[in-house]
């Protein structure tokens, strides 16, 4: 009974925290200081997108990794300096593609080039806007972005440890990690679908195609033909820099094909495929595989809630607007 009561209290605190965060942010936050911020960011992001499609998954992943570690405060962008090893240099962040960082840096420069906007818009808000824009540019939905975040005042590699989901996670582990940030199972499934435009290094799933168990080297939940294709792209001694598309069908389009792939056993990570193999989440996968509108609605809600996690604002008083996104003022 005591454990149940404690769990209820924790759940209530998480829900209250999410509610407070929602009140801290607002639409059109910069209407008086930088009214054209969204169009400025969109133009810079579009230019970067036209240079390389990697801009899309790189920016989305940067936003996720930022928000899940000490909140959406652009602390993942800060470079290590002196004796401080920053978030970006933690092992789990070394695979963050440089194009994501470059997208934010270029958009920040474009905003600051407008005199009335200079040093008025946070890197954290620019990353949130850029994430919306890359999703839309790749064929996904557009949506209003709540703004008003400040940039964080600290960034340590130690803070990353244990705060990002692993590709081997089961549903309980996924739900637990997301719930601690005020995100539901439906939010988690919707955000997982961002893998529809992602890519992964072979080492992240090699265990599923070579040494899953002693009696079954290939994960039985993995489509056998797909497993053979993966072995061809990722031989045992593959160059560790080699990366492959996480969506083998429409890797350059943000869509609901991710869920159709799961139905066919083509989820690249264990944490992807479990969404279909676990009966508690299977119905959601099936629904969104056949109803892209329902998925888009859920995705917008999940991204909005993600953008509220651990935000610093003028009201909380624990952040500022960085002049250079890559270093503290």
C-alpha atoms as a PDB file:
ATOM      1  CA  UNK A   1       0.000   0.000   0.000  1.00  0.00           C
ATOM      2  CA  UNK A   2       2.837   2.380   0.901  1.00  0.00           C
ATOM      3  CA  UNK A   3       4.556   1.699  -2.450  1.00  0.00           C
ATOM      4  CA  UNK A   4       1.301   2.293  -4.305  1.00  0.00           C
ATOM      5  CA  UNK A   5       0.757   5.600  -2.502  1.00  0.00           C
ATOM      6  CA  UNK A   6       4.305   6.703  -3.272  1.00  0.00           C
ATOM      7  CA  UNK A   7       3.828   5.832  -6.937  1.00  0.00           C
ATOM      8  CA  UNK A   8       0.628   7.903  -7.038  1.00  0.00           C
ATOM      9  CA  UNK A   9       2.413  10.867  -5.485  1.00  0.00           C
ATOM     10  CA  UNK A  10       5.256  10.616  -8.010  1.00  0.00           C
ATOM     11  CA  UNK A  11       2.779  10.387 -10.890  1.00  0.00           C
ATOM     12  CA  UNK A  12       0.910  13.437  -9.572  1.00  0.00           C
ATOM     13  CA  UNK A  13       4.135  15.423  -9.237  1.00  0.00           C
ATOM     14  CA  UNK A  14       5.116  14.584 -12.819  1.00  0.00           C
ATOM     15  CA  UNK A  15       1.685  15.646 -14.087  1.00  0.00           C
ATOM     16  CA  UNK A  16       1.810  18.878 -12.086  1.00  0.00           C
ATOM     17  CA  UNK A  17       5.316  19.555 -13.383  1.00  0.00           C
ATOM     18  CA  UNK A  18       4.116  19.144 -16.969  1.00  0.00           C
ATOM     19  CA  UNK A  19       1.190  21.469 -16.302  1.00  0.00           C
ATOM     20  CA  UNK A  20       3.484  24.128 -14.832  1.00  0.00           C
ATOM     21  CA  UNK A  21       5.879  23.845 -17.787  1.00  0.00           C
ATOM     22  CA  UNK A  22       2.982  24.335 -20.187  1.00  0.00           C
ATOM     23  CA  UNK A  23       2.082  27.570 -18.405  1.00  0.00           C
ATOM     24  CA  UNK A  24       5.664  28.822 -18.623  1.00  0.00           C
ATOM     25  CA  UNK A  25       5.720  28.766 -22.423  1.00  0.00           C
ATOM     26  CA  UNK A  26       3.456  30.538 -24.890  1.00  0.00           C
ATOM     27  CA  UNK A  27       2.758  30.926 -28.576  1.00  0.00           C
ATOM     28  CA  UNK A  28       4.023  34.123 -30.242  1.00  0.00           C
ATOM     29  CA  UNK A  29       6.341  34.746 -27.302  1.00  0.00           C
ATOM     30  CA  UNK A  30       8.584  36.994 -29.420  1.00  0.00           C
ATOM     31  CA  UNK A  31       5.805  39.047 -31.030  1.00  0.00           C
ATOM     32  CA  UNK A  32       7.158  42.285 -29.517  1.00  0.00           C
ATOM     33  CA  UNK A  33      10.900  41.574 -29.614  1.00  0.00           C
ATOM     34  CA  UNK A  34      11.409  39.518 -32.786  1.00  0.00           C
ATOM     35  CA  UNK A  35       8.066  39.110 -34.565  1.00  0.00           C
ATOM     36  CA  UNK A  36       9.544  37.420 -37.647  1.00  0.00           C
ATOM     37  CA  UNK A  37      11.589  34.828 -35.747  1.00  0.00           C
ATOM     38  CA  UNK A  38       9.666  31.841 -37.132  1.00  0.00           C
ATOM     39  CA  UNK A  39      10.075  32.852 -40.777  1.00  0.00           C
ATOM     40  CA  UNK A  40      13.758  33.695 -40.206  1.00  0.00           C
ATOM     41  CA  UNK A  41      14.433  30.290 -38.666  1.00  0.00           C
ATOM     42  CA  UNK A  42      12.383  28.525 -41.333  1.00  0.00           C
ATOM     43  CA  UNK A  43      14.406  30.164 -44.119  1.00  0.00           C
ATOM     44  CA  UNK A  44      17.727  29.166 -42.520  1.00  0.00           C
ATOM     45  CA  UNK A  45      16.539  25.599 -41.854  1.00  0.00           C
ATOM     46  CA  UNK A  46      15.238  25.255 -45.414  1.00  0.00           C
ATOM     47  CA  UNK A  47      18.617  26.329 -46.817  1.00  0.00           C
ATOM     48  CA  UNK A  48      20.357  23.734 -44.635  1.00  0.00           C
ATOM     49  CA  UNK A  49      17.794  21.068 -45.614  1.00  0.00           C
ATOM     50  CA  UNK A  50      18.476  21.744 -49.285  1.00  0.00           C
ATOM     51  CA  UNK A  51      22.174  21.076 -48.657  1.00  0.00           C
ATOM     52  CA  UNK A  52      21.643  17.684 -46.996  1.00  0.00           C
ATOM     53  CA  UNK A  53      18.717  15.552 -45.870  1.00  0.00           C
ATOM     54  CA  UNK A  54      20.721  14.552 -42.797  1.00  0.00           C
ATOM     55  CA  UNK A  55      19.559  17.914 -41.441  1.00  0.00           C
ATOM     56  CA  UNK A  56      16.204  16.292 -40.669  1.00  0.00           C
ATOM     57  CA  UNK A  57      17.114  13.327 -38.436  1.00  0.00           C
ATOM     58  CA  UNK A  58      20.091  15.190 -36.978  1.00  0.00           C
ATOM     59  CA  UNK A  59      17.965  18.109 -35.759  1.00  0.00           C
ATOM     60  CA  UNK A  60      15.157  15.925 -34.400  1.00  0.00           C
ATOM     61  CA  UNK A  61      17.606  13.741 -32.482  1.00  0.00           C
ATOM     62  CA  UNK A  62      19.436  16.782 -31.121  1.00  0.00           C
ATOM     63  CA  UNK A  63      16.140  18.140 -29.749  1.00  0.00           C
ATOM     64  CA  UNK A  64      15.263  14.810 -28.136  1.00  0.00           C
ATOM     65  CA  UNK A  65      18.690  14.337 -26.562  1.00  0.00           C
ATOM     66  CA  UNK A  66      18.598  17.905 -25.301  1.00  0.00           C
ATOM     67  CA  UNK A  67      15.159  17.688 -23.704  1.00  0.00           C
ATOM     68  CA  UNK A  68      15.695  14.306 -22.059  1.00  0.00           C
ATOM     69  CA  UNK A  69      18.793  15.495 -20.193  1.00  0.00           C
ATOM     70  CA  UNK A  70      17.992  18.304 -17.733  1.00  0.00           C
ATOM     71  CA  UNK A  71      15.263  19.691 -19.971  1.00  0.00           C
ATOM     72  CA  UNK A  72      14.965  21.588 -23.262  1.00  0.00           C
ATOM     73  CA  UNK A  73      17.694  24.168 -22.657  1.00  0.00           C
ATOM     74  CA  UNK A  74      20.178  23.724 -25.541  1.00  0.00           C
ATOM     75  CA  UNK A  75      22.766  22.391 -23.073  1.00  0.00           C
ATOM     76  CA  UNK A  76      23.588  19.561 -25.493  1.00  0.00           C
ATOM     77  CA  UNK A  77      24.998  22.122 -27.938  1.00  0.00           C
ATOM     78  CA  UNK A  78      27.585  23.527 -25.522  1.00  0.00           C
ATOM     79  CA  UNK A  79      31.190  22.479 -26.211  1.00  0.00           C
ATOM     80  CA  UNK A  80      33.480  21.076 -23.537  1.00  0.00           C
ATOM     81  CA  UNK A  81      35.957  23.568 -22.136  1.00  0.00           C
ATOM     82  CA  UNK A  82      38.746  23.493 -19.590  1.00  0.00           C
ATOM     83  CA  UNK A  83      38.044  20.758 -17.073  1.00  0.00           C
ATOM     84  CA  UNK A  84      34.349  20.525 -17.951  1.00  0.00           C
ATOM     85  CA  UNK A  85      33.301  17.644 -20.174  1.00  0.00           C
ATOM     86  CA  UNK A  86      29.978  18.725 -21.678  1.00  0.00           C
ATOM     87  CA  UNK A  87      26.883  16.684 -22.572  1.00  0.00           C
ATOM     88  CA  UNK A  88      27.786  16.462 -26.259  1.00  0.00           C
ATOM     89  CA  UNK A  89      30.955  14.518 -25.411  1.00  0.00           C
ATOM     90  CA  UNK A  90      29.193  11.776 -23.455  1.00  0.00           C
ATOM     91  CA  UNK A  91      29.390   8.419 -25.238  1.00  0.00           C
ATOM     92  CA  UNK A  92      25.632   8.425 -25.937  1.00  0.00           C
ATOM     93  CA  UNK A  93      25.912  11.781 -27.737  1.00  0.00           C
ATOM     94  CA  UNK A  94      29.023  11.181 -29.842  1.00  0.00           C
ATOM     95  CA  UNK A  95      26.844   9.890 -32.689  1.00  0.00           C
ATOM     96  CA  UNK A  96      24.792  13.102 -32.864  1.00  0.00           C
ATOM     97  CA  UNK A  97      25.350  14.289 -36.424  1.00  0.00           C
ATOM     98  CA  UNK A  98      27.086  17.637 -36.839  1.00  0.00           C
ATOM     99  CA  UNK A  99      24.382  18.816 -39.229  1.00  0.00           C
ATOM    100  CA  UNK A 100      21.959  19.162 -36.316  1.00  0.00           C
ATOM    101  CA  UNK A 101      24.308  21.484 -34.430  1.00  0.00           C
ATOM    102  CA  UNK A 102      25.026  23.395 -37.633  1.00  0.00           C
ATOM    103  CA  UNK A 103      21.307  23.894 -38.276  1.00  0.00           C
ATOM    104  CA  UNK A 104      20.842  25.629 -34.928  1.00  0.00           C
ATOM    105  CA  UNK A 105      24.026  27.674 -35.280  1.00  0.00           C
ATOM    106  CA  UNK A 106      23.047  28.902 -38.753  1.00  0.00           C
ATOM    107  CA  UNK A 107      19.496  29.721 -37.666  1.00  0.00           C
ATOM    108  CA  UNK A 108      20.799  31.585 -34.615  1.00  0.00           C
ATOM    109  CA  UNK A 109      23.131  33.630 -36.849  1.00  0.00           C
ATOM    110  CA  UNK A 110      20.230  34.461 -39.171  1.00  0.00           C
ATOM    111  CA  UNK A 111      18.078  35.620 -36.242  1.00  0.00           C
ATOM    112  CA  UNK A 112      20.860  37.699 -34.717  1.00  0.00           C
ATOM    113  CA  UNK A 113      21.572  39.323 -38.099  1.00  0.00           C
ATOM    114  CA  UNK A 114      18.277  41.176 -37.650  1.00  0.00           C
ATOM    115  CA  UNK A 115      19.123  44.057 -35.312  1.00  0.00           C
ATOM    116  CA  UNK A 116      15.924  44.068 -33.276  1.00  0.00           C
ATOM    117  CA  UNK A 117      16.257  40.303 -32.738  1.00  0.00           C
ATOM    118  CA  UNK A 118      19.927  40.210 -31.778  1.00  0.00           C
ATOM    119  CA  UNK A 119      20.478  38.253 -28.543  1.00  0.00           C
ATOM    120  CA  UNK A 120      16.727  38.198 -27.958  1.00  0.00           C
ATOM    121  CA  UNK A 121      15.980  34.581 -29.000  1.00  0.00           C
ATOM    122  CA  UNK A 122      17.307  31.563 -27.110  1.00  0.00           C
ATOM    123  CA  UNK A 123      19.143  28.667 -28.712  1.00  0.00           C
ATOM    124  CA  UNK A 124      16.635  26.355 -27.004  1.00  0.00           C
ATOM    125  CA  UNK A 125      13.712  28.012 -28.770  1.00  0.00           C
ATOM    126  CA  UNK A 126      15.556  27.986 -32.090  1.00  0.00           C
ATOM    127  CA  UNK A 127      16.130  24.234 -31.721  1.00  0.00           C
ATOM    128  CA  UNK A 128      12.423  23.697 -30.973  1.00  0.00           C
ATOM    129  CA  UNK A 129      11.424  25.715 -34.053  1.00  0.00           C
ATOM    130  CA  UNK A 130      14.006  23.990 -36.247  1.00  0.00           C
ATOM    131  CA  UNK A 131      12.680  20.589 -35.171  1.00  0.00           C
ATOM    132  CA  UNK A 132       9.169  21.541 -36.276  1.00  0.00           C
ATOM    133  CA  UNK A 133      10.514  22.857 -39.555  1.00  0.00           C
ATOM    134  CA  UNK A 134      12.599  19.815 -40.507  1.00  0.00           C
ATOM    135  CA  UNK A 135       9.691  17.481 -39.757  1.00  0.00           C
ATOM    136  CA  UNK A 136       7.456  19.541 -42.019  1.00  0.00           C
ATOM    137  CA  UNK A 137      10.079  19.855 -44.769  1.00  0.00           C
ATOM    138  CA  UNK A 138      10.384  16.061 -44.825  1.00  0.00           C
ATOM    139  CA  UNK A 139       6.637  15.606 -45.320  1.00  0.00           C
ATOM    140  CA  UNK A 140       5.446  15.546 -41.724  1.00  0.00           C
ATOM    141  CA  UNK A 141       2.912  17.858 -40.100  1.00  0.00           C
ATOM    142  CA  UNK A 142       3.470  21.474 -39.139  1.00  0.00           C
ATOM    143  CA  UNK A 143       2.310  22.688 -35.759  1.00  0.00           C
ATOM    144  CA  UNK A 144       2.443  25.756 -33.500  1.00  0.00           C
ATOM    145  CA  UNK A 145       5.541  25.828 -31.272  1.00  0.00           C
ATOM    146  CA  UNK A 146       5.377  27.141 -27.731  1.00  0.00           C
ATOM    147  CA  UNK A 147       8.267  29.486 -26.961  1.00  0.00           C
ATOM    148  CA  UNK A 148       9.909  31.289 -24.073  1.00  0.00           C
ATOM    149  CA  UNK A 149      12.677  28.863 -23.100  1.00  0.00           C
ATOM    150  CA  UNK A 150      15.973  30.142 -21.768  1.00  0.00           C
ATOM    151  CA  UNK A 151      19.296  28.421 -22.388  1.00  0.00           C
ATOM    152  CA  UNK A 152      20.733  26.314 -19.591  1.00  0.00           C
ATOM    153  CA  UNK A 153      23.657  27.417 -17.442  1.00  0.00           C
ATOM    154  CA  UNK A 154      25.347  24.021 -17.135  1.00  0.00           C
ATOM    155  CA  UNK A 155      26.240  21.087 -19.367  1.00  0.00           C
ATOM    156  CA  UNK A 156      28.015  18.003 -18.031  1.00  0.00           C
ATOM    157  CA  UNK A 157      28.609  14.597 -19.554  1.00  0.00           C
ATOM    158  CA  UNK A 158      27.793  13.035 -16.186  1.00  0.00           C
ATOM    159  CA  UNK A 159      24.212  14.338 -16.404  1.00  0.00           C
ATOM    160  CA  UNK A 160      23.600  12.282 -19.560  1.00  0.00           C
ATOM    161  CA  UNK A 161      24.266   8.900 -17.946  1.00  0.00           C
ATOM    162  CA  UNK A 162      21.090   6.831 -17.664  1.00  0.00           C
ATOM    163  CA  UNK A 163      18.852   9.553 -19.080  1.00  0.00           C
ATOM    164  CA  UNK A 164      18.536   8.436 -22.706  1.00  0.00           C
ATOM    165  CA  UNK A 165      16.658   5.336 -23.902  1.00  0.00           C
ATOM    166  CA  UNK A 166      18.798   2.491 -25.184  1.00  0.00           C
ATOM    167  CA  UNK A 167      18.073   0.511 -28.370  1.00  0.00           C
ATOM    168  CA  UNK A 168      17.755  -2.639 -26.229  1.00  0.00           C
ATOM    169  CA  UNK A 169      14.967  -1.269 -24.005  1.00  0.00           C
ATOM    170  CA  UNK A 170      11.737  -3.206 -23.509  1.00  0.00           C
ATOM    171  CA  UNK A 171       8.338  -1.549 -23.125  1.00  0.00           C
ATOM    172  CA  UNK A 172       8.536  -1.262 -19.337  1.00  0.00           C
ATOM    173  CA  UNK A 173      11.897   0.488 -19.538  1.00  0.00           C
ATOM    174  CA  UNK A 174      10.675   2.837 -22.269  1.00  0.00           C
ATOM    175  CA  UNK A 175       7.466   3.706 -20.428  1.00  0.00           C
ATOM    176  CA  UNK A 176       9.315   4.303 -17.174  1.00  0.00           C
ATOM    177  CA  UNK A 177      11.844   6.686 -18.709  1.00  0.00           C
ATOM    178  CA  UNK A 178       9.222   8.642 -20.650  1.00  0.00           C
ATOM    179  CA  UNK A 179       6.756   8.766 -17.754  1.00  0.00           C
ATOM    180  CA  UNK A 180       9.397  10.364 -15.530  1.00  0.00           C
ATOM    181  CA  UNK A 181       9.334  13.255 -17.993  1.00  0.00           C
ATOM    182  CA  UNK A 182       5.557  13.565 -18.079  1.00  0.00           C
ATOM    183  CA  UNK A 183       5.188  11.615 -21.335  1.00  0.00           C
ATOM    184  CA  UNK A 184       2.640   8.827 -21.827  1.00  0.00           C
ATOM    185  CA  UNK A 185       3.016   5.528 -23.634  1.00  0.00           C
ATOM    186  CA  UNK A 186       1.240   7.052 -26.643  1.00  0.00           C
ATOM    187  CA  UNK A 187       3.700   9.968 -26.583  1.00  0.00           C
ATOM    188  CA  UNK A 188       6.590   7.506 -26.458  1.00  0.00           C
ATOM    189  CA  UNK A 189       5.284   5.529 -29.437  1.00  0.00           C
ATOM    190  CA  UNK A 190       4.691   8.690 -31.467  1.00  0.00           C
ATOM    191  CA  UNK A 191       8.188  10.028 -30.721  1.00  0.00           C
ATOM    192  CA  UNK A 192       9.730   6.641 -31.546  1.00  0.00           C
ATOM    193  CA  UNK A 193       8.287   7.059 -35.029  1.00  0.00           C
ATOM    194  CA  UNK A 194      10.828   9.817 -35.648  1.00  0.00           C
ATOM    195  CA  UNK A 195      13.004   6.842 -36.578  1.00  0.00           C
ATOM    196  CA  UNK A 196      11.138   6.977 -39.886  1.00  0.00           C
ATOM    197  CA  UNK A 197      13.863   9.410 -41.019  1.00  0.00           C
ATOM    198  CA  UNK A 198      16.705   8.265 -38.787  1.00  0.00           C
ATOM    199  CA  UNK A 199      19.874   6.318 -39.392  1.00  0.00           C
ATOM    200  CA  UNK A 200      21.930   4.070 -37.154  1.00  0.00           C
ATOM    201  CA  UNK A 201      25.435   2.700 -36.907  1.00  0.00           C
ATOM    202  CA  UNK A 202      25.623  -1.069 -37.254  1.00  0.00           C
ATOM    203  CA  UNK A 203      26.898  -1.582 -33.711  1.00  0.00           C
ATOM    204  CA  UNK A 204      23.558  -0.428 -32.279  1.00  0.00           C
ATOM    205  CA  UNK A 205      21.701  -3.487 -33.585  1.00  0.00           C
ATOM    206  CA  UNK A 206      24.436  -6.022 -34.412  1.00  0.00           C
ATOM    207  CA  UNK A 207      23.323  -8.238 -31.531  1.00  0.00           C
ATOM    208  CA  UNK A 208      19.964  -8.761 -33.277  1.00  0.00           C
ATOM    209  CA  UNK A 209      21.507 -10.168 -36.449  1.00  0.00           C
ATOM    210  CA  UNK A 210      24.541 -12.076 -35.152  1.00  0.00           C
ATOM    211  CA  UNK A 211      24.379 -13.084 -31.502  1.00  0.00           C
ATOM    212  CA  UNK A 212      20.893 -12.590 -30.109  1.00  0.00           C
ATOM    213  CA  UNK A 213      20.986 -15.813 -28.098  1.00  0.00           C
ATOM    214  CA  UNK A 214      23.042 -19.008 -28.155  1.00  0.00           C
ATOM    215  CA  UNK A 215      20.218 -20.954 -29.819  1.00  0.00           C
ATOM    216  CA  UNK A 216      18.914 -18.108 -32.020  1.00  0.00           C
ATOM    217  CA  UNK A 217      21.670 -15.877 -33.429  1.00  0.00           C
ATOM    218  CA  UNK A 218      19.022 -13.779 -35.220  1.00  0.00           C
ATOM    219  CA  UNK A 219      16.295 -12.112 -33.163  1.00  0.00           C
ATOM    220  CA  UNK A 220      13.142 -14.149 -33.979  1.00  0.00           C
ATOM    221  CA  UNK A 221      11.041 -10.956 -33.953  1.00  0.00           C
ATOM    222  CA  UNK A 222      13.131  -9.636 -36.858  1.00  0.00           C
ATOM    223  CA  UNK A 223      11.885 -10.265 -40.408  1.00  0.00           C
ATOM    224  CA  UNK A 224      14.258 -12.933 -41.734  1.00  0.00           C
ATOM    225  CA  UNK A 225      14.696 -11.364 -45.185  1.00  0.00           C
ATOM    226  CA  UNK A 226      15.326  -7.982 -43.555  1.00  0.00           C
ATOM    227  CA  UNK A 227      17.874  -9.602 -41.243  1.00  0.00           C
ATOM    228  CA  UNK A 228      19.727 -10.974 -44.272  1.00  0.00           C
ATOM    229  CA  UNK A 229      19.725  -7.511 -45.876  1.00  0.00           C
ATOM    230  CA  UNK A 230      21.098  -6.018 -42.659  1.00  0.00           C
ATOM    231  CA  UNK A 231      23.875  -8.614 -42.539  1.00  0.00           C
ATOM    232  CA  UNK A 232      24.804  -7.625 -46.077  1.00  0.00           C
ATOM    233  CA  UNK A 233      25.005  -3.943 -45.149  1.00  0.00           C
ATOM    234  CA  UNK A 234      26.636  -4.600 -41.792  1.00  0.00           C
ATOM    235  CA  UNK A 235      29.107  -7.507 -42.018  1.00  0.00           C
ATOM    236  CA  UNK A 236      30.702  -8.583 -38.745  1.00  0.00           C
ATOM    237  CA  UNK A 237      33.815  -6.407 -39.063  1.00  0.00           C
ATOM    238  CA  UNK A 238      32.118  -3.442 -40.687  1.00  0.00           C
ATOM    239  CA  UNK A 239      33.659   0.022 -40.541  1.00  0.00           C
ATOM    240  CA  UNK A 240      32.192   1.531 -37.316  1.00  0.00           C
ATOM    241  CA  UNK A 241      31.414   4.737 -39.227  1.00  0.00           C
ATOM    242  CA  UNK A 242      28.945   2.974 -41.524  1.00  0.00           C
ATOM    243  CA  UNK A 243      25.315   3.926 -40.869  1.00  0.00           C
ATOM    244  CA  UNK A 244      22.113   2.639 -42.457  1.00  0.00           C
ATOM    245  CA  UNK A 245      18.578   3.973 -42.766  1.00  0.00           C
ATOM    246  CA  UNK A 246      16.238   2.998 -39.944  1.00  0.00           C
ATOM    247  CA  UNK A 247      13.256   2.996 -42.305  1.00  0.00           C
ATOM    248  CA  UNK A 248      14.116   0.701 -45.251  1.00  0.00           C
ATOM    249  CA  UNK A 249      11.022   1.725 -47.229  1.00  0.00           C
ATOM    250  CA  UNK A 250      10.693   5.544 -47.163  1.00  0.00           C
ATOM    251  CA  UNK A 251      13.883   6.779 -45.442  1.00  0.00           C
ATOM    252  CA  UNK A 252      13.601  10.311 -46.862  1.00  0.00           C
ATOM    253  CA  UNK A 253       9.981  10.895 -45.929  1.00  0.00           C
ATOM    254  CA  UNK A 254       8.513  11.651 -42.523  1.00  0.00           C
ATOM    255  CA  UNK A 255       5.444   9.410 -42.542  1.00  0.00           C
ATOM    256  CA  UNK A 256       3.697   6.527 -40.778  1.00  0.00           C
ATOM    257  CA  UNK A 257       5.602   3.829 -42.695  1.00  0.00           C
ATOM    258  CA  UNK A 258       7.551   3.261 -39.466  1.00  0.00           C
ATOM    259  CA  UNK A 259       4.481   1.508 -38.046  1.00  0.00           C
ATOM    260  CA  UNK A 260       3.889  -0.548 -41.186  1.00  0.00           C
ATOM    261  CA  UNK A 261       7.506  -1.685 -40.934  1.00  0.00           C
ATOM    262  CA  UNK A 262       6.954  -2.829 -37.348  1.00  0.00           C
ATOM    263  CA  UNK A 263       3.971  -4.920 -38.492  1.00  0.00           C
ATOM    264  CA  UNK A 264       6.340  -6.716 -40.871  1.00  0.00           C
ATOM    265  CA  UNK A 265       9.117  -7.288 -38.339  1.00  0.00           C
ATOM    266  CA  UNK A 266      11.272  -4.504 -39.785  1.00  0.00           C
ATOM    267  CA  UNK A 267      11.903  -2.442 -36.679  1.00  0.00           C
ATOM    268  CA  UNK A 268      15.658  -1.877 -36.534  1.00  0.00           C
ATOM    269  CA  UNK A 269      16.088  -1.671 -32.764  1.00  0.00           C
ATOM    270  CA  UNK A 270      14.667  -3.957 -30.108  1.00  0.00           C
ATOM    271  CA  UNK A 271      13.071  -0.790 -28.688  1.00  0.00           C
ATOM    272  CA  UNK A 272      11.306  -0.277 -32.024  1.00  0.00           C
ATOM    273  CA  UNK A 273      10.048  -3.806 -32.631  1.00  0.00           C
ATOM    274  CA  UNK A 274       8.836  -4.264 -29.052  1.00  0.00           C
ATOM    275  CA  UNK A 275       6.163  -1.641 -29.743  1.00  0.00           C
ATOM    276  CA  UNK A 276       4.496  -4.219 -31.995  1.00  0.00           C
ATOM    277  CA  UNK A 277       5.374  -7.448 -30.188  1.00  0.00           C
ATOM    278  CA  UNK A 278       4.134  -6.222 -26.803  1.00  0.00           C
ATOM    279  CA  UNK A 279       0.343  -6.483 -26.676  1.00  0.00           C
ATOM    280  CA  UNK A 280       0.107  -3.323 -24.561  1.00  0.00           C
ATOM    281  CA  UNK A 281       1.341  -1.134 -27.418  1.00  0.00           C
ATOM    282  CA  UNK A 282       0.443  -3.219 -30.476  1.00  0.00           C
ATOM    283  CA  UNK A 283      -3.013  -1.675 -30.941  1.00  0.00           C
ATOM    284  CA  UNK A 284      -1.539   1.821 -31.154  1.00  0.00           C
ATOM    285  CA  UNK A 285       0.963   0.663 -33.783  1.00  0.00           C
ATOM    286  CA  UNK A 286      -1.811  -0.980 -35.804  1.00  0.00           C
ATOM    287  CA  UNK A 287      -4.017   2.121 -35.599  1.00  0.00           C
ATOM    288  CA  UNK A 288      -1.322   4.549 -36.679  1.00  0.00           C
ATOM    289  CA  UNK A 289      -0.119   2.223 -39.450  1.00  0.00           C
ATOM    290  CA  UNK A 290      -3.530   2.615 -41.101  1.00  0.00           C
ATOM    291  CA  UNK A 291      -4.430   6.131 -39.977  1.00  0.00           C
ATOM    292  CA  UNK A 292      -1.753   8.757 -40.715  1.00  0.00           C
ATOM    293  CA  UNK A 293      -4.008  11.587 -39.540  1.00  0.00           C
ATOM    294  CA  UNK A 294      -4.361  10.026 -36.099  1.00  0.00           C
ATOM    295  CA  UNK A 295      -0.596   9.560 -35.937  1.00  0.00           C
ATOM    296  CA  UNK A 296       0.076  13.180 -36.910  1.00  0.00           C
ATOM    297  CA  UNK A 297      -2.298  14.415 -34.206  1.00  0.00           C
ATOM    298  CA  UNK A 298      -0.576  12.245 -31.589  1.00  0.00           C
ATOM    299  CA  UNK A 299       2.870  13.281 -32.828  1.00  0.00           C
ATOM    300  CA  UNK A 300       2.086  16.992 -32.495  1.00  0.00           C
ATOM    301  CA  UNK A 301       0.860  16.451 -28.946  1.00  0.00           C
ATOM    302  CA  UNK A 302       3.948  14.403 -28.059  1.00  0.00           C
ATOM    303  CA  UNK A 303       6.383  16.932 -29.532  1.00  0.00           C
ATOM    304  CA  UNK A 304       4.619  19.785 -27.740  1.00  0.00           C
ATOM    305  CA  UNK A 305       4.830  17.934 -24.420  1.00  0.00           C
ATOM    306  CA  UNK A 306       8.468  17.014 -25.076  1.00  0.00           C
ATOM    307  CA  UNK A 307       9.221  20.690 -25.667  1.00  0.00           C
ATOM    308  CA  UNK A 308       7.964  21.513 -22.159  1.00  0.00           C
ATOM    309  CA  UNK A 309      10.269  19.128 -20.308  1.00  0.00           C
ATOM    310  CA  UNK A 310      12.423  20.859 -17.702  1.00  0.00           C
ATOM    311  CA  UNK A 311      12.242  24.284 -19.342  1.00  0.00           C
ATOM    312  CA  UNK A 312      14.030  27.297 -17.886  1.00  0.00           C
ATOM    313  CA  UNK A 313      12.224  30.619 -18.309  1.00  0.00           C
ATOM    314  CA  UNK A 314      12.229  34.189 -17.048  1.00  0.00           C
ATOM    315  CA  UNK A 315       9.816  33.037 -14.355  1.00  0.00           C
ATOM    316  CA  UNK A 316      12.020  30.193 -13.150  1.00  0.00           C
ATOM    317  CA  UNK A 317      15.090  32.418 -13.354  1.00  0.00           C
ATOM    318  CA  UNK A 318      17.642  29.698 -14.020  1.00  0.00           C
ATOM    319  CA  UNK A 319      18.799  30.421 -17.556  1.00  0.00           C
ATOM    320  CA  UNK A 320      19.749  33.117 -20.041  1.00  0.00           C
ATOM    321  CA  UNK A 321      19.961  33.766 -23.771  1.00  0.00           C
ATOM    322  CA  UNK A 322      23.291  32.542 -25.041  1.00  0.00           C
ATOM    323  CA  UNK A 323      25.181  34.814 -27.432  1.00  0.00           C
ATOM    324  CA  UNK A 324      26.920  31.750 -28.863  1.00  0.00           C
ATOM    325  CA  UNK A 325      24.935  28.506 -28.675  1.00  0.00           C
ATOM    326  CA  UNK A 326      28.153  26.530 -28.310  1.00  0.00           C
ATOM    327  CA  UNK A 327      29.439  28.225 -25.165  1.00  0.00           C
ATOM    328  CA  UNK A 328      28.183  29.888 -22.022  1.00  0.00           C
ATOM    329  CA  UNK A 329      28.042  33.694 -21.847  1.00  0.00           C
END
